[in-house]
N, C-alpha and C. Protein backbone atom coordinates (compact mmCIF):
# COMPACT_ATOMS: atom_id res chain seq x y z
N MET A 1 73.81 87.02 89.08
CA MET A 1 74.15 85.84 88.42
C MET A 1 75.62 85.98 87.72
N GLN A 2 76.01 87.07 87.21
CA GLN A 2 77.33 87.12 86.51
C GLN A 2 78.34 87.04 87.49
N SER A 3 78.07 87.59 88.76
CA SER A 3 79.29 87.40 89.72
C SER A 3 79.32 86.03 90.24
N GLY A 4 78.23 85.22 90.33
CA GLY A 4 78.19 83.90 90.63
C GLY A 4 78.87 82.90 89.70
N TRP A 5 78.45 83.35 88.49
CA TRP A 5 79.24 82.36 87.32
C TRP A 5 80.89 82.77 87.32
N THR A 6 81.15 83.99 87.47
CA THR A 6 82.48 84.47 87.60
C THR A 6 83.25 83.70 88.66
N SER A 7 82.57 83.68 89.73
CA SER A 7 83.08 82.99 90.82
C SER A 7 83.41 81.57 90.71
N TRP A 8 82.24 80.90 90.01
CA TRP A 8 82.50 79.56 89.79
C TRP A 8 83.67 79.35 88.83
N LEU A 9 83.90 79.95 87.91
CA LEU A 9 84.82 79.97 87.01
C LEU A 9 86.31 80.06 87.52
N GLN A 10 86.13 81.19 88.51
CA GLN A 10 87.56 81.52 89.25
C GLN A 10 87.82 80.53 90.30
N GLY A 11 86.91 79.56 90.87
CA GLY A 11 87.12 78.68 91.75
C GLY A 11 88.22 77.50 91.45
N ASP A 12 88.63 76.97 92.39
CA ASP A 12 89.60 75.91 92.19
C ASP A 12 88.80 74.61 91.80
N PRO A 13 89.50 73.67 91.14
CA PRO A 13 88.91 72.35 90.57
C PRO A 13 87.78 71.70 91.52
N LEU A 14 88.37 71.64 92.91
CA LEU A 14 87.62 70.96 93.69
C LEU A 14 86.07 71.75 94.11
N MET A 15 86.06 73.18 94.18
CA MET A 15 84.91 73.82 94.21
C MET A 15 83.92 73.70 92.88
N GLN A 16 84.41 73.58 91.81
CA GLN A 16 83.82 73.39 90.53
C GLN A 16 83.30 71.87 90.52
N ALA A 17 84.02 70.87 91.04
CA ALA A 17 83.57 69.46 91.15
C ALA A 17 82.17 69.42 92.23
N VAL A 18 82.44 70.03 93.34
CA VAL A 18 81.36 70.18 94.16
C VAL A 18 80.04 70.74 93.32
N ALA A 19 80.16 71.71 92.89
CA ALA A 19 79.04 72.46 92.27
C ALA A 19 78.49 71.69 90.96
N LEU A 20 79.34 70.99 90.44
CA LEU A 20 78.75 69.99 89.18
C LEU A 20 78.02 68.60 89.99
N LEU A 21 78.68 68.21 91.13
CA LEU A 21 78.05 67.19 91.70
C LEU A 21 76.70 67.61 92.25
N LEU A 22 76.53 68.72 92.89
CA LEU A 22 75.28 69.22 93.35
C LEU A 22 74.20 69.16 92.04
N LEU A 23 74.59 69.77 91.01
CA LEU A 23 73.91 69.87 89.88
C LEU A 23 73.46 68.45 89.29
N ALA A 24 74.27 67.40 89.33
CA ALA A 24 74.03 66.19 88.86
C ALA A 24 73.13 65.46 89.89
N MET A 25 72.94 65.76 91.17
CA MET A 25 72.16 65.29 92.06
C MET A 25 70.84 65.78 91.90
N SER A 26 70.64 67.24 91.63
CA SER A 26 69.48 67.86 91.42
C SER A 26 68.67 67.31 90.25
N LEU A 27 69.49 67.18 89.26
CA LEU A 27 69.03 66.70 87.83
C LEU A 27 68.45 65.33 88.12
N SER A 28 69.09 64.47 88.76
CA SER A 28 68.88 63.08 89.03
C SER A 28 67.48 62.97 89.84
N SER A 29 67.49 63.70 91.09
CA SER A 29 66.50 63.82 91.65
C SER A 29 65.14 64.30 91.10
N TRP A 30 65.25 65.23 90.36
CA TRP A 30 64.06 65.79 89.76
C TRP A 30 63.50 64.91 88.53
N PHE A 31 64.54 64.00 87.86
CA PHE A 31 63.99 63.02 86.89
C PHE A 31 63.17 61.86 87.65
N VAL A 32 63.85 61.43 88.59
CA VAL A 32 62.98 60.43 89.45
C VAL A 32 61.75 61.04 89.96
N ILE A 33 61.62 62.24 90.44
CA ILE A 33 60.39 62.76 90.83
C ILE A 33 59.39 62.71 89.87
N PHE A 34 59.67 63.36 88.65
CA PHE A 34 58.54 63.35 87.57
C PHE A 34 58.22 61.91 87.07
N TRP A 35 59.25 61.20 86.99
CA TRP A 35 58.96 59.71 86.52
C TRP A 35 58.08 58.98 87.49
N LYS A 36 58.49 58.90 88.86
CA LYS A 36 57.68 58.22 89.68
C LYS A 36 56.32 59.01 90.04
N THR A 37 55.96 60.18 90.10
CA THR A 37 54.94 60.77 90.04
C THR A 37 53.87 60.28 88.96
N ALA A 38 54.44 60.35 87.77
CA ALA A 38 53.53 59.74 86.56
C ALA A 38 53.33 58.31 86.83
N LEU A 39 54.19 57.56 87.24
CA LEU A 39 54.11 55.94 87.38
C LEU A 39 53.18 55.67 88.48
N LEU A 40 53.13 56.29 89.61
CA LEU A 40 52.35 56.03 90.84
C LEU A 40 50.87 56.47 90.64
N ALA A 41 50.86 57.62 89.91
CA ALA A 41 49.45 58.13 89.41
C ALA A 41 48.82 57.27 88.55
N ARG A 42 49.57 56.62 87.74
CA ARG A 42 48.81 55.75 86.74
C ARG A 42 48.52 54.49 87.30
N SER A 43 49.37 53.94 88.26
CA SER A 43 48.99 52.61 89.02
C SER A 43 47.86 52.90 89.99
N ALA A 44 47.88 54.16 90.56
CA ALA A 44 46.75 54.37 91.49
C ALA A 44 45.46 54.42 90.82
N ARG A 45 45.25 54.62 89.54
CA ARG A 45 44.07 54.67 88.89
C ARG A 45 43.75 53.10 88.31
N ARG A 46 44.83 52.51 87.88
CA ARG A 46 44.67 51.14 87.12
C ARG A 46 44.64 49.94 88.14
N VAL A 47 45.25 50.04 89.17
CA VAL A 47 45.42 48.82 90.21
C VAL A 47 43.96 48.45 90.75
N PRO A 48 43.18 49.59 91.19
CA PRO A 48 41.98 49.21 91.73
C PRO A 48 41.02 48.78 90.57
N ARG A 49 41.12 49.38 89.44
CA ARG A 49 40.33 48.98 88.29
C ARG A 49 40.56 47.65 87.75
N ALA A 50 41.86 47.23 87.85
CA ALA A 50 42.28 45.97 87.37
C ALA A 50 41.65 44.80 88.46
N ILE A 51 41.83 45.15 89.61
CA ILE A 51 41.15 44.20 90.75
C ILE A 51 39.76 44.08 90.51
N ALA A 52 39.18 45.13 90.33
CA ALA A 52 37.48 45.15 90.29
C ALA A 52 37.23 44.33 89.03
N ALA A 53 37.93 44.54 88.03
CA ALA A 53 37.71 44.00 86.57
C ALA A 53 37.95 42.17 87.00
N PHE A 54 38.91 41.89 87.64
CA PHE A 54 39.31 40.38 87.87
C PHE A 54 38.13 39.74 88.48
N TRP A 55 37.50 40.53 89.69
CA TRP A 55 36.40 39.87 90.50
C TRP A 55 35.15 39.78 89.60
N ALA A 56 35.01 40.84 88.79
CA ALA A 56 33.84 40.78 87.90
C ALA A 56 33.81 39.78 86.77
N ALA A 57 34.85 39.18 86.42
CA ALA A 57 34.96 38.29 85.34
C ALA A 57 34.33 36.93 85.64
N PRO A 58 33.74 36.27 84.73
CA PRO A 58 33.05 35.11 84.82
C PRO A 58 33.91 33.76 85.07
N SER A 59 35.08 33.85 84.63
CA SER A 59 36.12 32.62 84.69
C SER A 59 37.49 33.02 84.99
N ALA A 60 38.31 32.18 85.46
CA ALA A 60 39.70 32.57 85.55
C ALA A 60 40.49 33.14 84.45
N ALA A 61 40.39 32.57 83.41
CA ALA A 61 40.92 33.04 82.15
C ALA A 61 40.38 34.44 81.82
N ALA A 62 39.21 34.51 81.71
CA ALA A 62 38.63 35.79 81.58
C ALA A 62 38.91 36.83 82.51
N ALA A 63 39.34 36.43 83.83
CA ALA A 63 39.44 37.38 84.82
C ALA A 63 41.03 37.87 84.36
N ALA A 64 41.91 37.00 84.28
CA ALA A 64 43.41 37.47 83.79
C ALA A 64 43.38 38.48 82.78
N GLN A 65 42.40 38.12 81.86
CA GLN A 65 42.52 39.02 80.56
C GLN A 65 41.90 40.31 80.82
N ALA A 66 40.86 40.39 81.72
CA ALA A 66 40.29 41.61 82.29
C ALA A 66 41.23 42.43 83.00
N ALA A 67 41.91 41.78 83.87
CA ALA A 67 42.94 42.53 84.71
C ALA A 67 44.17 43.20 83.83
N ALA A 68 44.40 42.26 82.82
CA ALA A 68 45.66 42.70 81.86
C ALA A 68 45.15 43.84 80.93
N ALA A 69 43.76 44.00 80.69
CA ALA A 69 43.26 45.05 79.91
C ALA A 69 43.18 46.38 80.83
N ALA A 70 42.70 46.18 82.00
CA ALA A 70 42.62 47.37 82.83
C ALA A 70 44.00 47.86 83.46
N ASP A 71 45.17 46.80 83.49
CA ASP A 71 46.20 47.41 84.01
C ASP A 71 47.40 46.60 83.28
N PRO A 72 47.67 47.25 81.87
CA PRO A 72 48.53 46.48 81.01
C PRO A 72 49.99 46.68 81.56
N ASP A 73 50.63 45.41 81.69
CA ASP A 73 51.98 45.27 82.25
C ASP A 73 52.19 45.92 83.76
N GLY A 74 51.07 45.94 84.38
CA GLY A 74 51.09 46.51 85.70
C GLY A 74 51.06 45.38 86.77
N PRO A 75 51.39 45.87 88.00
CA PRO A 75 51.35 44.72 89.17
C PRO A 75 50.20 43.70 89.24
N ALA A 76 48.98 44.64 89.30
CA ALA A 76 47.82 43.68 89.27
C ALA A 76 47.58 42.67 88.37
N ALA A 77 47.98 43.00 87.19
CA ALA A 77 47.82 42.06 85.94
C ALA A 77 48.82 40.97 86.14
N ALA A 78 49.97 41.16 86.69
CA ALA A 78 50.98 40.33 86.90
C ALA A 78 50.45 39.15 87.99
N LEU A 79 49.87 39.62 89.17
CA LEU A 79 49.33 38.84 89.98
C LEU A 79 48.10 38.08 89.36
N ALA A 80 47.37 38.51 88.69
CA ALA A 80 46.33 37.76 87.98
C ALA A 80 46.85 36.82 87.03
N ALA A 81 47.93 37.10 86.42
CA ALA A 81 48.50 36.16 85.35
C ALA A 81 49.03 34.88 86.38
N SER A 82 49.79 35.17 87.36
CA SER A 82 50.17 34.09 88.18
C SER A 82 49.15 33.29 88.62
N CYS A 83 47.92 33.79 89.14
CA CYS A 83 46.85 33.00 89.61
C CYS A 83 46.36 32.17 88.42
N LEU A 84 46.25 32.59 87.26
CA LEU A 84 45.91 31.88 86.10
C LEU A 84 46.64 30.65 85.82
N GLY A 85 48.01 30.94 85.93
CA GLY A 85 49.04 29.75 85.75
C GLY A 85 48.97 28.78 86.84
N LEU A 86 48.69 29.18 87.96
CA LEU A 86 48.64 28.29 89.20
C LEU A 86 47.32 27.48 89.10
N ALA A 87 46.28 28.21 88.78
CA ALA A 87 44.91 27.45 88.70
C ALA A 87 44.82 26.41 87.51
N ARG A 88 45.65 26.45 86.58
CA ARG A 88 45.68 25.70 85.29
C ARG A 88 46.68 24.35 85.82
N ASP A 89 47.58 24.57 86.58
CA ASP A 89 48.53 23.55 87.28
C ASP A 89 48.52 23.36 88.54
N PRO A 90 47.45 22.87 89.19
CA PRO A 90 47.43 22.76 90.57
C PRO A 90 48.32 21.88 91.30
N GLY A 91 48.90 20.99 90.52
CA GLY A 91 49.95 20.01 91.10
C GLY A 91 49.26 18.68 91.66
N HIS A 92 49.92 17.83 92.21
CA HIS A 92 49.49 16.54 92.59
C HIS A 92 49.29 16.43 94.10
N ALA A 93 49.94 17.20 94.88
CA ALA A 93 49.84 17.20 96.33
C ALA A 93 49.36 18.70 96.72
N TRP A 94 48.27 18.52 97.76
CA TRP A 94 47.72 19.95 98.09
C TRP A 94 48.92 20.71 98.68
N GLN A 95 49.60 20.07 99.71
CA GLN A 95 50.59 20.87 100.46
C GLN A 95 51.63 21.58 99.50
N ALA A 96 52.10 20.70 98.43
CA ALA A 96 53.15 21.24 97.54
C ALA A 96 52.55 22.32 96.59
N HIS A 97 51.15 22.23 96.29
CA HIS A 97 50.50 23.36 95.43
C HIS A 97 50.32 24.76 96.45
N ALA A 98 49.96 24.50 97.84
CA ALA A 98 49.86 25.48 98.45
C ALA A 98 51.16 26.27 98.85
N ASP A 99 52.40 25.60 98.93
CA ASP A 99 53.67 26.17 98.99
C ASP A 99 53.97 26.88 97.82
N ARG A 100 53.67 26.38 96.50
CA ARG A 100 53.97 26.94 95.36
C ARG A 100 53.18 28.41 95.17
N VAL A 101 51.92 28.10 95.71
CA VAL A 101 51.08 29.39 95.57
C VAL A 101 51.73 30.44 96.21
N ARG A 102 52.06 30.23 97.65
CA ARG A 102 52.53 31.16 98.48
C ARG A 102 53.97 31.89 97.80
N ARG A 103 54.63 30.81 97.34
CA ARG A 103 55.98 31.28 96.76
C ARG A 103 55.92 32.16 95.42
N GLN A 104 54.94 31.90 94.60
CA GLN A 104 54.94 32.61 93.39
C GLN A 104 54.21 33.91 93.58
N LEU A 105 53.06 33.99 94.37
CA LEU A 105 52.52 35.23 94.59
C LEU A 105 53.51 36.06 95.69
N ARG A 106 54.26 35.52 96.33
CA ARG A 106 55.18 36.51 97.09
C ARG A 106 56.26 37.15 96.10
N ASP A 107 56.81 36.15 95.08
CA ASP A 107 57.69 36.74 94.21
C ASP A 107 57.03 37.74 93.35
N SER A 108 55.83 37.87 92.98
CA SER A 108 55.04 38.67 92.08
C SER A 108 54.95 40.02 92.99
N LEU A 109 54.61 39.76 94.19
CA LEU A 109 54.60 41.01 95.27
C LEU A 109 55.90 41.55 95.25
N ASP A 110 56.78 40.98 95.49
CA ASP A 110 58.27 41.52 95.51
C ASP A 110 58.68 42.45 94.41
N ASP A 111 58.17 41.76 93.18
CA ASP A 111 58.67 42.36 91.92
C ASP A 111 57.67 43.72 91.77
N ALA A 112 56.54 43.60 92.17
CA ALA A 112 55.62 44.76 92.14
C ALA A 112 56.32 46.10 93.15
N SER A 113 56.59 45.35 94.28
CA SER A 113 57.13 46.52 95.15
C SER A 113 58.44 47.16 94.63
N ARG A 114 59.17 46.32 94.14
CA ARG A 114 60.48 46.86 93.47
C ARG A 114 60.21 47.98 92.72
N ARG A 115 59.31 47.71 91.77
CA ARG A 115 59.00 48.55 90.63
C ARG A 115 58.30 49.87 91.15
N LEU A 116 57.49 49.79 92.32
CA LEU A 116 56.70 50.81 92.92
C LEU A 116 57.81 51.75 93.65
N HIS A 117 58.84 51.16 94.27
CA HIS A 117 59.68 51.90 95.14
C HIS A 117 61.05 52.20 94.47
N ALA A 118 60.99 51.83 93.09
CA ALA A 118 62.40 52.22 92.54
C ALA A 118 62.66 53.74 92.48
N GLY A 119 63.81 54.18 92.57
CA GLY A 119 64.10 55.35 92.65
C GLY A 119 64.13 56.01 93.85
N HIS A 120 63.45 55.42 94.84
CA HIS A 120 63.23 56.08 96.41
C HIS A 120 64.75 56.10 96.83
N VAL A 121 65.41 55.04 96.80
CA VAL A 121 66.86 55.14 97.37
C VAL A 121 67.60 56.34 97.01
N LEU A 122 67.45 56.74 95.73
CA LEU A 122 68.27 57.78 95.19
C LEU A 122 67.86 59.02 95.89
N LEU A 123 66.51 59.18 96.00
CA LEU A 123 65.92 60.45 96.53
C LEU A 123 66.29 60.52 98.00
N ALA A 124 66.27 59.47 98.90
CA ALA A 124 66.91 59.41 100.01
C ALA A 124 68.25 59.77 100.14
N SER A 125 69.14 59.33 99.42
CA SER A 125 70.48 59.37 99.37
C SER A 125 70.78 61.12 99.04
N VAL A 126 70.16 61.54 98.06
CA VAL A 126 70.21 62.98 97.82
C VAL A 126 69.88 63.91 98.96
N GLY A 127 68.72 63.60 99.53
CA GLY A 127 68.09 64.36 100.51
C GLY A 127 69.07 64.37 101.84
N SER A 128 69.68 63.10 101.99
CA SER A 128 70.59 63.07 103.23
C SER A 128 71.95 63.59 102.98
N THR A 129 72.46 63.59 101.76
CA THR A 129 73.91 63.93 101.54
C THR A 129 74.00 65.23 100.98
N ALA A 130 73.10 65.84 100.14
CA ALA A 130 73.14 67.18 99.62
C ALA A 130 73.51 68.17 100.57
N PRO A 131 72.99 68.36 101.63
CA PRO A 131 73.35 69.66 102.50
C PRO A 131 74.57 69.52 102.96
N PHE A 132 75.21 68.19 103.33
CA PHE A 132 76.73 67.98 103.71
C PHE A 132 77.59 68.39 102.46
N VAL A 133 77.17 67.90 101.23
CA VAL A 133 78.10 68.39 100.17
C VAL A 133 78.18 69.76 99.88
N GLY A 134 77.18 70.60 100.09
CA GLY A 134 77.10 72.04 99.95
C GLY A 134 77.90 72.62 101.12
N LEU A 135 77.70 72.18 102.35
CA LEU A 135 78.44 72.66 103.55
C LEU A 135 80.06 72.43 103.27
N PHE A 136 80.30 71.27 102.70
CA PHE A 136 81.84 70.91 102.55
C PHE A 136 82.17 72.01 101.33
N GLY A 137 81.58 72.25 100.40
CA GLY A 137 81.98 73.38 99.48
C GLY A 137 82.05 74.69 99.98
N THR A 138 81.41 75.05 100.99
CA THR A 138 81.34 76.35 101.73
C THR A 138 82.62 76.43 102.58
N VAL A 139 82.93 75.37 103.37
CA VAL A 139 84.01 75.44 104.18
C VAL A 139 85.25 75.46 103.47
N TRP A 140 85.20 74.57 102.28
CA TRP A 140 86.52 74.61 101.51
C TRP A 140 86.71 75.91 100.86
N GLY A 141 85.50 76.54 100.42
CA GLY A 141 85.76 77.87 99.91
C GLY A 141 86.32 79.00 100.81
N ILE A 142 85.65 78.90 102.05
CA ILE A 142 86.01 79.89 102.75
C ILE A 142 87.54 79.76 103.37
N GLU A 143 87.91 78.73 103.47
CA GLU A 143 89.30 78.40 103.93
C GLU A 143 90.40 78.93 103.04
N HIS A 144 89.87 78.72 101.54
CA HIS A 144 90.87 79.23 100.51
C HIS A 144 90.70 80.70 100.44
N ALA A 145 89.36 81.20 100.50
CA ALA A 145 89.42 82.65 100.47
C ALA A 145 90.22 83.30 101.72
N LEU A 146 90.12 82.83 102.73
CA LEU A 146 90.98 83.51 103.87
C LEU A 146 92.44 83.39 103.72
N LEU A 147 92.76 82.10 103.10
CA LEU A 147 94.11 81.96 103.05
C LEU A 147 94.62 82.82 101.90
N ALA A 148 93.93 83.06 100.88
CA ALA A 148 94.26 83.93 99.83
C ALA A 148 94.42 85.55 100.24
N MET A 149 93.39 85.89 101.19
CA MET A 149 93.41 87.26 101.49
C MET A 149 94.64 87.50 102.67
N ALA A 150 94.84 86.52 103.32
CA ALA A 150 96.09 86.51 104.30
C ALA A 150 97.29 86.59 103.58
N ALA A 151 97.37 86.04 102.43
CA ALA A 151 98.74 86.07 101.51
C ALA A 151 98.67 87.29 100.87
N SER A 152 97.57 87.99 100.50
CA SER A 152 97.49 89.35 100.09
C SER A 152 98.00 90.59 101.11
N ARG A 153 97.53 90.11 102.19
CA ARG A 153 97.67 90.88 103.34
C ARG A 153 96.66 92.23 103.13
N GLN A 154 95.60 91.98 102.61
CA GLN A 154 94.63 93.00 102.49
C GLN A 154 93.08 92.56 103.17
N LEU A 155 93.20 92.84 104.47
CA LEU A 155 92.03 92.32 105.16
C LEU A 155 91.19 93.46 105.51
N GLY A 156 89.85 93.16 105.14
CA GLY A 156 88.93 94.30 105.49
C GLY A 156 87.50 93.69 105.15
N ILE A 157 86.36 94.48 105.48
CA ILE A 157 85.15 93.91 105.15
C ILE A 157 84.79 93.67 103.87
N ALA A 158 85.17 94.56 102.87
CA ALA A 158 85.12 94.66 101.47
C ALA A 158 85.81 93.13 100.91
N GLN A 159 87.00 93.07 101.48
CA GLN A 159 87.84 92.09 100.98
C GLN A 159 87.19 90.46 101.69
N VAL A 160 86.66 90.49 102.61
CA VAL A 160 86.14 89.21 103.17
C VAL A 160 84.80 88.98 102.69
N ALA A 161 83.89 90.22 102.63
CA ALA A 161 82.36 89.71 102.35
C ALA A 161 82.32 89.13 100.91
N ALA A 162 82.88 89.53 99.98
CA ALA A 162 82.72 88.96 98.51
C ALA A 162 82.85 87.62 98.34
N PRO A 163 84.11 87.07 98.79
CA PRO A 163 84.53 85.64 98.62
C PRO A 163 83.94 84.79 99.55
N VAL A 164 83.58 85.32 100.67
CA VAL A 164 82.88 84.43 101.60
C VAL A 164 81.41 84.31 101.36
N GLY A 165 80.85 85.43 100.90
CA GLY A 165 79.32 85.34 100.43
C GLY A 165 79.31 84.43 99.34
N ALA A 166 80.17 84.34 98.34
CA ALA A 166 80.08 83.61 97.07
C ALA A 166 80.16 82.03 97.50
N THR A 167 81.05 81.63 98.61
CA THR A 167 81.08 80.46 98.95
C THR A 167 79.90 79.86 99.83
N LEU A 168 79.24 80.80 100.47
CA LEU A 168 77.98 80.56 101.35
C LEU A 168 76.84 79.97 100.41
N VAL A 169 76.99 80.30 99.10
CA VAL A 169 75.90 80.04 97.97
C VAL A 169 75.94 78.44 98.01
N MET A 170 76.95 77.61 98.22
CA MET A 170 77.16 76.36 98.22
C MET A 170 76.29 75.71 99.08
N THR A 171 76.33 76.24 100.33
CA THR A 171 75.35 75.64 101.51
C THR A 171 73.75 75.88 101.19
N ALA A 172 73.29 77.18 100.48
CA ALA A 172 72.00 77.29 100.04
C ALA A 172 71.85 76.40 98.81
N ALA A 173 72.62 76.08 97.98
CA ALA A 173 72.49 75.10 96.92
C ALA A 173 72.34 73.64 97.38
N GLY A 174 73.13 73.27 98.17
CA GLY A 174 72.88 71.97 98.92
C GLY A 174 71.59 71.96 99.59
N LEU A 175 70.84 72.86 100.30
CA LEU A 175 69.54 72.80 100.70
C LEU A 175 68.60 72.72 99.61
N ALA A 176 68.80 73.37 98.61
CA ALA A 176 67.80 73.66 97.54
C ALA A 176 67.73 72.20 96.85
N VAL A 177 68.77 71.58 96.81
CA VAL A 177 68.83 70.12 96.10
C VAL A 177 68.12 69.26 97.04
N ALA A 178 68.49 69.31 98.43
CA ALA A 178 67.72 68.20 99.25
C ALA A 178 66.50 68.35 99.77
N ILE A 179 66.02 69.38 100.04
CA ILE A 179 64.59 69.79 100.25
C ILE A 179 63.62 69.00 99.37
N PRO A 180 63.61 69.31 97.98
CA PRO A 180 62.67 68.55 97.08
C PRO A 180 62.73 67.25 97.09
N ALA A 181 64.02 66.47 97.17
CA ALA A 181 64.32 65.24 97.38
C ALA A 181 63.80 64.69 98.55
N VAL A 182 63.73 65.16 99.55
CA VAL A 182 63.21 64.69 100.89
C VAL A 182 61.74 64.70 100.81
N LEU A 183 61.03 65.87 100.42
CA LEU A 183 59.50 66.03 100.37
C LEU A 183 59.23 65.09 99.34
N ALA A 184 59.53 64.76 98.15
CA ALA A 184 59.28 63.77 97.07
C ALA A 184 59.58 62.29 97.68
N TYR A 185 60.45 62.09 98.49
CA TYR A 185 60.70 60.75 99.09
C TYR A 185 59.49 60.39 99.97
N ASN A 186 58.98 61.32 100.71
CA ASN A 186 58.00 61.21 101.82
C ASN A 186 56.75 60.93 101.07
N ALA A 187 56.44 61.79 100.12
CA ALA A 187 55.20 61.62 99.31
C ALA A 187 55.03 60.49 98.43
N LEU A 188 55.93 60.18 97.62
CA LEU A 188 56.15 59.03 96.76
C LEU A 188 56.09 57.71 97.56
N GLY A 189 56.64 57.93 98.67
CA GLY A 189 56.65 56.39 99.58
C GLY A 189 55.38 56.41 100.11
N LYS A 190 54.76 57.28 100.72
CA LYS A 190 53.42 57.10 101.05
C LYS A 190 52.42 56.51 100.08
N ARG A 191 52.53 56.98 98.76
CA ARG A 191 51.60 56.48 97.72
C ARG A 191 51.98 55.08 97.34
N ALA A 192 53.37 54.80 97.23
CA ALA A 192 53.84 53.40 97.01
C ALA A 192 53.21 52.45 98.10
N ARG A 193 53.43 52.82 99.20
CA ARG A 193 53.05 51.84 100.45
C ARG A 193 51.45 51.72 100.34
N ALA A 194 50.58 52.66 99.78
CA ALA A 194 49.37 52.41 99.75
C ALA A 194 48.94 51.42 98.75
N LEU A 195 49.55 51.61 97.57
CA LEU A 195 49.50 50.56 96.43
C LEU A 195 49.91 49.02 97.02
N ASP A 196 51.15 49.18 97.58
CA ASP A 196 51.58 47.92 98.13
C ASP A 196 50.48 47.20 99.06
N SER A 197 49.80 48.06 100.00
CA SER A 197 48.65 47.38 100.84
C SER A 197 47.52 46.79 99.79
N GLN A 198 47.15 47.53 98.74
CA GLN A 198 46.21 46.92 97.92
C GLN A 198 46.60 45.71 97.19
N LEU A 199 47.77 45.85 96.77
CA LEU A 199 48.24 44.49 96.08
C LEU A 199 48.36 43.27 97.12
N GLU A 200 48.84 43.55 98.15
CA GLU A 200 48.87 42.47 99.32
C GLU A 200 47.54 41.89 99.54
N GLY A 201 46.61 42.79 99.70
CA GLY A 201 45.10 42.27 100.05
C GLY A 201 44.77 41.45 98.73
N PHE A 202 45.09 42.04 97.61
CA PHE A 202 44.55 41.24 96.41
C PHE A 202 45.24 39.82 96.39
N ALA A 203 46.60 39.83 96.68
CA ALA A 203 47.32 38.62 96.53
C ALA A 203 46.70 37.50 97.62
N LEU A 204 46.54 38.11 98.95
CA LEU A 204 45.77 37.22 99.91
C LEU A 204 44.51 36.48 99.49
N ASP A 205 43.71 37.23 98.72
CA ASP A 205 42.50 36.87 98.23
C ASP A 205 42.66 35.92 97.16
N LEU A 206 43.69 36.05 96.34
CA LEU A 206 44.08 35.00 95.33
C LEU A 206 44.73 33.71 95.91
N GLN A 207 45.27 33.95 96.88
CA GLN A 207 45.81 32.61 97.88
C GLN A 207 44.48 31.83 98.46
N HIS A 208 43.63 32.58 98.87
CA HIS A 208 42.48 31.94 99.51
C HIS A 208 41.75 31.29 98.19
N LEU A 209 41.62 31.90 97.31
CA LEU A 209 40.87 31.35 95.88
C LEU A 209 41.47 30.22 95.55
N LEU A 210 42.92 30.23 95.18
CA LEU A 210 43.67 29.03 94.69
C LEU A 210 43.61 27.84 95.95
N GLY A 211 43.51 28.43 97.16
CA GLY A 211 43.42 27.28 98.20
C GLY A 211 42.36 26.40 98.20
N ALA A 212 41.12 27.29 97.93
CA ALA A 212 39.85 26.52 97.74
C ALA A 212 39.84 25.58 96.57
N ALA A 213 40.48 26.07 95.66
CA ALA A 213 40.45 25.30 94.31
C ALA A 213 41.44 24.02 94.41
N GLY A 214 42.41 24.13 95.22
CA GLY A 214 43.27 23.13 95.53
C GLY A 214 42.83 22.14 96.33
N GLU A 215 41.90 22.31 97.22
CA GLU A 215 41.56 21.43 98.13
C GLU A 215 40.42 20.51 97.71
N GLN A 216 39.70 20.99 96.54
CA GLN A 216 38.79 20.36 95.87
C GLN A 216 39.09 18.87 95.47
N PRO A 217 40.17 18.65 94.73
CA PRO A 217 40.63 17.02 94.31
C PRO A 217 40.62 16.35 95.60
N ALA A 218 41.29 16.67 96.73
CA ALA A 218 41.64 15.93 97.84
C ALA A 218 40.27 15.57 98.63
N GLN A 219 39.25 16.32 98.36
CA GLN A 219 38.06 15.77 99.10
C GLN A 219 37.17 14.85 98.37
N ARG A 220 37.55 14.49 97.11
CA ARG A 220 36.70 13.46 96.32
C ARG A 220 37.10 12.07 96.91
């Protein structure tokens, strides 16, 4: 540990910048991992509960309140609130009402999907770029180590092994940053897509429910 810290202190500014960049990428990815794991776990519990509470309620107003109580500020509650607002204002023409239903439910789904997938782009970016950042630091460090040894004209196993070994740590650091980000991206993405599927099914059921309510005035 002491030799690695000394090597970092004695490195040129570019090597230090690469090390700090890898550290920043690691901290940001782990923040997203912990945050999204908690958020998706909470949503996985609340979304099915909110959907079940919605359909068990005796009226539209009570259904929206039940969904909001089961999933406060969650995506299922937002869809239920949209349904309540559309049910109270069906519009004058059924076609206009149907278009509004589709548009508002789609907007609510898009907003929910953005919340569920927030941070995944960062994980994908870290996972795809961190190994190359570490490799760049290794190549840069080896080049400068070899140039320094050539200038000193002291070539030998002992003189080559220490600086080259220290720069190879950058490649290992890049992989250590990238692997958790890639694994988390795949795992969290799978959980977010499962929730997307549940919410899409709920939105489709709401659209059918509002469609049946919107057609009633036209049949009189």
